[in-house]
Protein backbone atom coordinates (compact mmCIF):
# COMPACT_ATOMS: atom_id res chain seq x y z
CA MET A 1 33.61 -53.66 -85.66
CA THR A 2 31.80 -56.14 -83.45
CA ALA A 3 28.83 -55.83 -81.15
CA GLN A 4 31.34 -55.55 -78.32
CA ALA A 5 33.32 -52.81 -80.05
CA ALA A 6 30.25 -50.72 -80.87
CA SER A 7 28.34 -49.73 -77.75
CA TYR A 8 26.99 -46.20 -78.32
CA VAL A 9 25.79 -45.37 -81.82
CA LEU A 10 24.81 -41.96 -83.17
CA VAL A 11 22.02 -42.22 -85.75
CA THR A 12 21.33 -39.09 -87.77
CA GLY A 13 17.86 -38.64 -89.20
CA ALA A 14 16.70 -40.88 -86.35
CA THR A 15 13.08 -39.71 -86.38
CA GLY A 16 12.70 -40.32 -90.12
CA PHE A 17 11.37 -43.39 -91.94
CA ILE A 18 14.63 -45.32 -92.35
CA GLY A 19 16.42 -43.86 -89.34
CA ALA A 20 13.73 -44.95 -86.88
CA HIS A 21 13.92 -48.54 -88.12
CA VAL A 22 17.71 -48.40 -87.67
CA VAL A 23 17.24 -47.12 -84.12
CA ASP A 24 14.87 -49.97 -83.29
CA ASN A 25 17.21 -52.57 -84.78
CA LEU A 26 20.17 -51.29 -82.75
CA LEU A 27 18.16 -51.19 -79.55
CA ALA A 28 16.88 -54.72 -80.10
CA LYS A 29 20.50 -55.87 -80.37
CA GLY A 30 21.37 -54.33 -77.03
CA LEU A 31 23.22 -51.23 -78.19
CA LYS A 32 22.85 -47.73 -76.81
CA VAL A 33 21.58 -45.12 -79.28
CA ARG A 34 21.76 -41.36 -79.56
CA GLY A 35 19.44 -40.06 -82.25
CA SER A 36 19.86 -36.70 -83.92
CA THR A 37 16.69 -34.97 -85.02
CA ARG A 38 15.58 -31.53 -86.15
CA SER A 39 12.49 -31.83 -83.95
CA ALA A 40 12.73 -32.18 -80.18
CA ALA A 41 9.04 -33.13 -80.11
CA LYS A 42 9.58 -36.07 -82.46
CA GLY A 43 12.50 -37.26 -80.38
CA GLU A 44 10.38 -37.16 -77.24
CA GLU A 45 7.58 -38.98 -79.05
CA MET A 46 9.93 -41.76 -80.13
CA LYS A 47 11.27 -42.12 -76.59
CA ALA A 48 7.75 -42.23 -75.14
CA ALA A 49 6.83 -45.00 -77.58
CA ARG A 50 9.81 -47.09 -76.41
CA PRO A 51 9.71 -47.01 -72.59
CA GLN A 52 11.54 -50.34 -72.36
CA TYR A 53 14.61 -48.65 -73.87
CA ALA A 54 14.55 -45.49 -71.75
CA SER A 55 18.03 -46.11 -70.38
CA ARG A 56 19.58 -46.73 -73.80
CA LEU A 57 17.95 -44.10 -76.02
CA ASP A 58 18.49 -40.36 -76.04
CA PHE A 59 18.04 -37.62 -78.61
CA VAL A 60 19.87 -34.44 -79.54
CA VAL A 61 18.45 -31.65 -81.65
CA VAL A 62 20.51 -30.73 -84.71
CA GLU A 63 18.39 -28.27 -86.63
CA ASP A 64 20.73 -27.89 -89.61
CA PHE A 65 23.02 -30.88 -90.05
CA THR A 66 24.65 -29.31 -93.13
CA GLN A 67 26.61 -26.81 -91.03
CA ILE A 68 30.17 -27.83 -90.18
CA GLY A 69 30.56 -28.03 -86.41
CA VAL A 70 26.96 -28.77 -85.41
CA PHE A 71 27.79 -32.36 -84.44
CA ASP A 72 30.93 -31.48 -82.46
CA SER A 73 29.07 -31.14 -79.16
CA VAL A 74 27.04 -34.38 -79.45
CA MET A 75 29.83 -36.90 -79.97
CA GLU A 76 30.78 -37.63 -76.36
CA GLY A 77 30.97 -41.37 -75.82
CA ILE A 78 29.96 -42.17 -79.39
CA ASP A 79 31.98 -44.99 -80.98
CA ALA A 80 30.01 -45.52 -84.20
CA VAL A 81 27.78 -43.48 -86.51
CA ILE A 82 25.00 -44.37 -88.93
CA HIS A 83 24.39 -41.29 -91.08
CA VAL A 84 20.91 -41.53 -92.57
CA ALA A 85 19.93 -37.86 -92.75
CA SER A 86 19.99 -36.23 -96.17
CA PRO A 87 18.07 -33.46 -97.94
CA PHE A 88 15.18 -34.90 -99.97
CA PHE A 89 12.59 -32.80 -101.75
CA TYR A 90 11.69 -32.12 -105.35
CA ASP A 91 10.32 -28.58 -105.31
CA THR A 92 13.67 -26.81 -105.58
CA THR A 93 14.43 -23.49 -107.22
CA ASN A 94 18.21 -23.81 -106.98
CA ASN A 95 19.55 -27.35 -107.42
CA GLU A 96 23.05 -26.66 -106.19
CA GLN A 97 22.18 -24.54 -103.14
CA GLU A 98 19.12 -26.50 -102.00
CA LEU A 99 20.08 -30.11 -102.73
CA ILE A 100 23.63 -30.81 -103.78
CA ILE A 101 25.73 -28.60 -101.49
CA PRO A 102 23.57 -29.38 -98.41
CA ALA A 103 23.98 -33.13 -99.05
CA ILE A 104 27.75 -32.80 -99.43
CA ASN A 105 28.06 -30.54 -96.39
CA GLY A 106 25.94 -32.88 -94.30
CA VAL A 107 28.40 -35.69 -94.98
CA LYS A 108 31.41 -33.46 -94.31
CA SER A 109 29.83 -32.23 -91.08
CA ILE A 110 29.33 -35.65 -89.52
CA LEU A 111 32.68 -36.98 -90.77
CA THR A 112 34.58 -33.95 -89.48
CA ALA A 113 32.94 -34.19 -86.06
CA SER A 114 33.63 -37.93 -85.88
CA ALA A 115 37.28 -37.37 -86.76
CA LYS A 116 37.59 -34.69 -84.07
CA ALA A 117 36.00 -36.92 -81.45
CA GLY A 118 38.62 -39.59 -82.00
CA THR A 119 36.41 -42.33 -80.54
CA VAL A 120 34.41 -43.28 -83.63
CA LYS A 121 35.56 -46.52 -85.22
CA ARG A 122 33.10 -46.84 -88.12
CA ILE A 123 30.61 -44.72 -90.06
CA VAL A 124 27.84 -46.30 -92.12
CA LEU A 125 26.49 -43.85 -94.69
CA THR A 126 23.09 -44.18 -96.35
CA SER A 127 23.64 -43.33 -100.00
CA SER A 128 21.24 -44.41 -102.76
CA PHE A 129 20.80 -46.51 -105.86
CA ALA A 130 20.55 -43.09 -107.49
CA SER A 131 24.33 -42.90 -107.17
CA ILE A 132 24.64 -46.17 -109.08
CA VAL A 133 22.03 -46.28 -111.85
CA ASP A 134 22.51 -44.62 -115.23
CA VAL A 135 18.94 -43.60 -116.03
CA ASP A 136 19.89 -42.38 -119.49
CA SER A 137 21.15 -45.77 -120.64
CA THR A 138 19.19 -48.76 -121.89
CA PRO A 139 21.10 -51.77 -120.61
CA SER A 140 20.49 -55.22 -122.03
CA PRO A 141 18.29 -57.61 -120.01
CA ASP A 142 21.35 -59.61 -118.98
CA PHE A 143 23.07 -56.53 -117.49
CA THR A 144 23.25 -56.35 -113.68
CA TYR A 145 23.98 -53.27 -111.61
CA THR A 146 26.36 -53.91 -108.72
CA ALA A 147 27.90 -51.79 -105.98
CA GLN A 148 30.86 -51.21 -108.29
CA HIS A 149 28.83 -49.02 -110.65
CA TRP A 150 28.50 -45.24 -110.43
CA ASN A 151 26.02 -43.07 -112.25
CA PRO A 152 27.89 -41.00 -114.87
CA LEU A 153 26.14 -37.71 -114.05
CA SER A 154 28.53 -34.76 -114.07
CA TYR A 155 28.49 -32.05 -111.43
CA ASP A 156 27.85 -29.40 -114.07
CA THR A 157 24.75 -31.23 -115.30
CA ALA A 158 23.48 -31.82 -111.77
CA VAL A 159 23.65 -28.13 -110.85
CA ASP A 160 22.45 -26.82 -114.21
CA PRO A 161 19.30 -24.70 -113.69
CA LYS A 162 17.80 -26.47 -116.69
CA SER A 163 18.15 -29.87 -114.98
CA THR A 164 15.14 -31.17 -113.07
CA SER A 165 15.19 -31.58 -109.31
CA VAL A 166 15.13 -35.36 -109.88
CA VAL A 167 18.43 -35.07 -111.77
CA ALA A 168 19.78 -32.84 -109.01
CA TYR A 169 18.76 -35.39 -106.39
CA ARG A 170 20.71 -38.10 -108.21
CA GLY A 171 23.67 -35.74 -108.24
CA SER A 172 23.30 -34.96 -104.54
CA LYS A 173 23.53 -38.65 -103.62
CA LYS A 174 26.49 -39.32 -105.90
CA PHE A 175 28.58 -36.32 -104.91
CA ALA A 176 27.81 -36.62 -101.20
CA GLU A 177 28.95 -40.23 -101.25
CA LEU A 178 32.07 -39.34 -103.22
CA ALA A 179 32.81 -36.62 -100.67
CA ALA A 180 32.72 -39.25 -97.92
CA TRP A 181 35.12 -41.56 -99.73
CA ASP A 182 37.42 -38.62 -100.52
CA PHE A 183 37.40 -37.54 -96.87
CA VAL A 184 38.50 -40.98 -95.68
CA LYS A 185 41.19 -41.15 -98.35
CA THR A 186 42.68 -37.71 -97.71
CA GLU A 187 42.13 -37.23 -93.97
CA LYS A 188 42.87 -40.82 -92.89
CA PRO A 189 40.58 -40.55 -89.84
CA CYS A 190 40.27 -42.95 -86.92
CA PHE A 191 37.21 -44.61 -88.47
CA ASP A 192 36.52 -46.64 -91.58
CA LEU A 193 33.54 -46.13 -93.88
CA VAL A 194 30.77 -48.31 -95.28
CA THR A 195 28.26 -46.95 -97.79
CA LEU A 196 24.85 -48.40 -98.69
CA CYS A 197 23.02 -47.68 -101.93
CA PRO A 198 19.40 -48.86 -101.57
CA PRO A 199 16.73 -48.36 -104.25
CA MET A 200 13.06 -47.64 -103.43
CA VAL A 201 12.27 -48.26 -99.76
CA PHE A 202 8.80 -49.35 -98.63
CA GLY A 203 7.33 -50.79 -95.47
CA PRO A 204 5.55 -50.06 -92.21
CA VAL A 205 6.46 -46.93 -90.31
CA VAL A 206 7.85 -46.75 -86.77
CA HIS A 207 8.66 -43.03 -86.73
CA PRO A 208 6.21 -40.31 -85.62
CA VAL A 209 3.50 -40.07 -88.29
CA HIS A 210 0.02 -38.79 -87.52
CA ASN A 211 -1.66 -38.63 -90.91
CA ILE A 212 -1.22 -39.85 -94.46
CA LYS A 213 0.26 -36.54 -95.59
CA GLN A 214 3.24 -37.15 -93.29
CA LEU A 215 4.24 -40.41 -94.99
CA ASN A 216 7.65 -40.46 -96.64
CA GLU A 217 7.78 -40.13 -100.41
CA SER A 218 8.05 -43.79 -101.43
CA ASN A 219 5.37 -44.99 -99.01
CA SER A 220 3.13 -42.09 -100.00
CA VAL A 221 3.20 -43.26 -103.62
CA LEU A 222 2.49 -46.85 -102.54
CA TRP A 223 -0.48 -45.75 -100.43
CA SER A 224 -1.83 -43.74 -103.37
CA VAL A 225 -2.36 -47.09 -105.10
CA ALA A 226 -4.49 -48.26 -102.19
CA ALA A 227 -6.37 -44.97 -102.26
CA GLY A 228 -7.28 -45.41 -105.92
CA VAL A 229 -4.85 -43.25 -107.90
CA ASP A 230 -5.53 -43.58 -111.63
CA PRO A 231 -3.45 -44.16 -113.64
CA LEU A 232 -1.07 -46.18 -111.51
CA PRO A 233 2.33 -44.56 -110.96
CA GLY A 234 5.24 -45.63 -113.11
CA SER A 235 8.31 -46.94 -111.34
CA ARG A 236 11.63 -45.22 -112.06
CA VAL A 237 13.56 -48.38 -111.18
CA PRO A 238 12.43 -51.99 -110.72
CA ALA A 239 14.35 -52.48 -107.48
CA TRP A 240 13.22 -51.98 -103.90
CA ILE A 241 13.83 -53.06 -100.29
CA ASP A 242 11.75 -53.29 -97.12
CA ALA A 243 12.75 -50.67 -94.53
CA ARG A 244 13.10 -53.36 -91.87
CA ASP A 245 15.55 -55.28 -94.04
CA LEU A 246 17.43 -52.08 -94.85
CA ALA A 247 17.78 -51.38 -91.13
CA GLU A 248 19.26 -54.84 -90.66
CA VAL A 249 21.69 -54.13 -93.50
CA HIS A 250 22.79 -50.91 -91.77
CA VAL A 251 23.40 -52.67 -88.48
CA GLN A 252 25.20 -55.65 -89.98
CA ALA A 253 27.36 -53.26 -92.00
CA LEU A 254 28.21 -51.54 -88.74
CA LEU A 255 28.96 -54.60 -86.64
CA ARG A 256 30.77 -56.95 -89.01
CA PRO A 257 34.54 -56.30 -88.95
CA GLU A 258 35.04 -57.34 -92.58
CA THR A 259 32.68 -54.75 -94.08
CA GLY A 260 34.95 -51.75 -93.44
CA GLY A 261 35.82 -49.81 -96.58
CA LYS A 262 33.09 -51.46 -98.67
CA ARG A 263 30.13 -50.23 -100.70
CA PHE A 264 26.94 -52.28 -100.79
CA LEU A 265 23.78 -52.41 -102.90
CA PRO A 266 20.95 -53.71 -100.69
CA ALA A 267 17.95 -54.71 -102.82
CA ALA A 268 15.30 -57.40 -102.60
CA LEU A 269 15.71 -60.29 -105.01
CA GLU A 270 12.36 -59.77 -106.75
CA PRO A 271 11.36 -56.72 -108.82
CA PHE A 272 8.27 -54.66 -108.04
CA SER A 273 5.63 -52.70 -109.90
CA TYR A 274 2.67 -50.67 -108.74
CA GLY A 275 0.40 -52.97 -110.74
CA TYR A 276 1.69 -55.90 -108.71
CA ALA A 277 1.09 -53.85 -105.55
CA ALA A 278 -2.49 -53.19 -106.66
CA ASP A 279 -3.09 -56.90 -107.20
CA ILE A 280 -1.69 -57.73 -103.76
CA MET A 281 -3.93 -55.15 -102.11
CA LYS A 282 -7.10 -56.36 -103.85
CA ASP A 283 -6.25 -60.00 -103.11
CA THR A 284 -5.61 -59.30 -99.43
CA PHE A 285 -7.99 -56.57 -98.32
CA GLU A 286 -11.71 -56.71 -99.02
CA TRP A 287 -12.00 -52.91 -98.84
CA ALA A 288 -9.29 -52.52 -101.50
CA LYS A 289 -11.49 -54.12 -104.12
CA ASP A 290 -13.60 -50.96 -104.02
CA THR A 291 -10.81 -48.40 -103.84
CA VAL A 292 -7.92 -49.65 -105.99
CA THR A 293 -8.35 -48.72 -109.64
CA SER A 294 -9.16 -51.44 -112.17
CA ASN A 295 -7.64 -49.33 -114.93
CA TYR A 296 -4.51 -51.44 -115.39
CA GLN A 297 -3.53 -54.88 -116.63
CA SER A 298 -4.06 -57.11 -113.63
CA GLY A 299 -2.16 -60.35 -113.09
CA GLN A 300 1.12 -59.17 -114.60
CA LYS A 301 4.14 -60.06 -112.48
CA PRO A 302 6.81 -57.34 -112.57
CA HIS A 303 9.43 -57.62 -115.27
CA ALA A 304 12.84 -56.10 -114.58
CA PRO A 305 14.50 -54.55 -117.64
CA TYR A 306 17.91 -55.22 -116.03
CA GLY A 307 19.36 -56.97 -113.01
CA VAL A 308 20.19 -55.47 -109.62
CA ASP A 309 22.63 -57.39 -107.43
CA GLY A 310 21.02 -57.75 -104.03
CA GLN A 311 22.50 -61.20 -103.57
CA THR A 312 25.92 -59.94 -102.47
CA VAL A 313 24.38 -58.23 -99.45
CA ALA A 314 22.41 -61.37 -98.63
CA ASN A 315 25.59 -63.43 -98.83
CA GLU A 316 28.03 -61.09 -97.08
CA LEU A 317 25.74 -59.55 -94.46
CA GLY A 318 23.45 -62.52 -93.83
CA VAL A 319 20.30 -60.54 -94.56
CA LYS A 320 17.16 -62.36 -95.67
CA TYR A 321 14.85 -60.15 -97.71
CA ARG A 322 11.11 -59.97 -97.20
CA SER A 323 8.78 -60.55 -100.15
CA PHE A 324 7.08 -57.61 -101.82
CA LYS A 325 3.74 -59.09 -100.81
CA GLU A 326 4.68 -59.10 -97.13
CA THR A 327 5.91 -55.52 -97.34
CA VAL A 328 2.78 -54.26 -99.09
CA VAL A 329 0.40 -56.11 -96.77
CA ASP A 330 2.18 -54.95 -93.60
CA PHE A 331 2.35 -51.32 -94.72
CA VAL A 332 -1.13 -50.99 -96.21
CA GLY A 333 -2.73 -52.78 -93.27
CA GLN A 334 -0.94 -50.51 -90.82
CA VAL A 335 -1.96 -47.30 -92.61
CA LYS A 336 -5.56 -48.42 -92.98
CA ASP A 337 -5.79 -49.28 -89.29
CA THR A 338 -3.98 -46.25 -87.87
CA LEU A 339 -3.96 -43.33 -90.31
CA ALA A 340 -6.69 -43.67 -92.92
């Protein structure tokens, strides 16, 4: 696609952490946006915070995006879709029914509606590094994950009641993404597909958040460092990306004609650790010296046990990644000033 070809973009999960950044990026580039949200109030709040875009931003309420048919009535005029919405919670009692099937059905729902509409030319799907990384392996330091890798988790293991919700989440991302690729292959719809597999996502928030408890999961953990959690959290993976950069990746993946049919791994070129985040906070904010725990080895730059190929996205989509320091400072400063 090109900026001329895409004029009216549906963004699902538009009032969430990543989705709201995507909305802002699209609007800044002159596109018209329809956001889907489960909360009419959040949609109205986002519109009220962006009066300069009143003529190019509207919201529709889709309370349960996992039901086939719920998007059929909101596709009028839409020529592109960025599907960010996905189930994400860890306190599940039934992995298959609460995480995996809803994630798969959510993808099928938006793809089916887009195919019916006949006007959609491209769908960009937010998947996850969880669909790439094999957490049970110990790769050598010279190994690098790329967008060509898939996690080897089987469906049976993902839905097994004995599997943790974290395992089930990894399964939900993998099998939802596979469902999207299978749909395009078998149904041959009017649109092409691009999938993005980002790792941990941090950064300032632009969606409706009124207190610290409403922060998204990754930012909540990062703020806990500022608030003095002890011991510091461990990081499941060494890779991350700033939400603002991830939004740019989504939009470039949508607009560039040559990206159709591709899978990308957007990740900053430097690893992160919560110890490094703690050092940044104490070096930048005077108040953090009193709140951030000293119960860790300060001054240790993060060491990645394996490589993650974020360079391909930088090269092919023209995205320049922010530093971890910039991300931490912008986020922590924002929360301290507005929420804490």
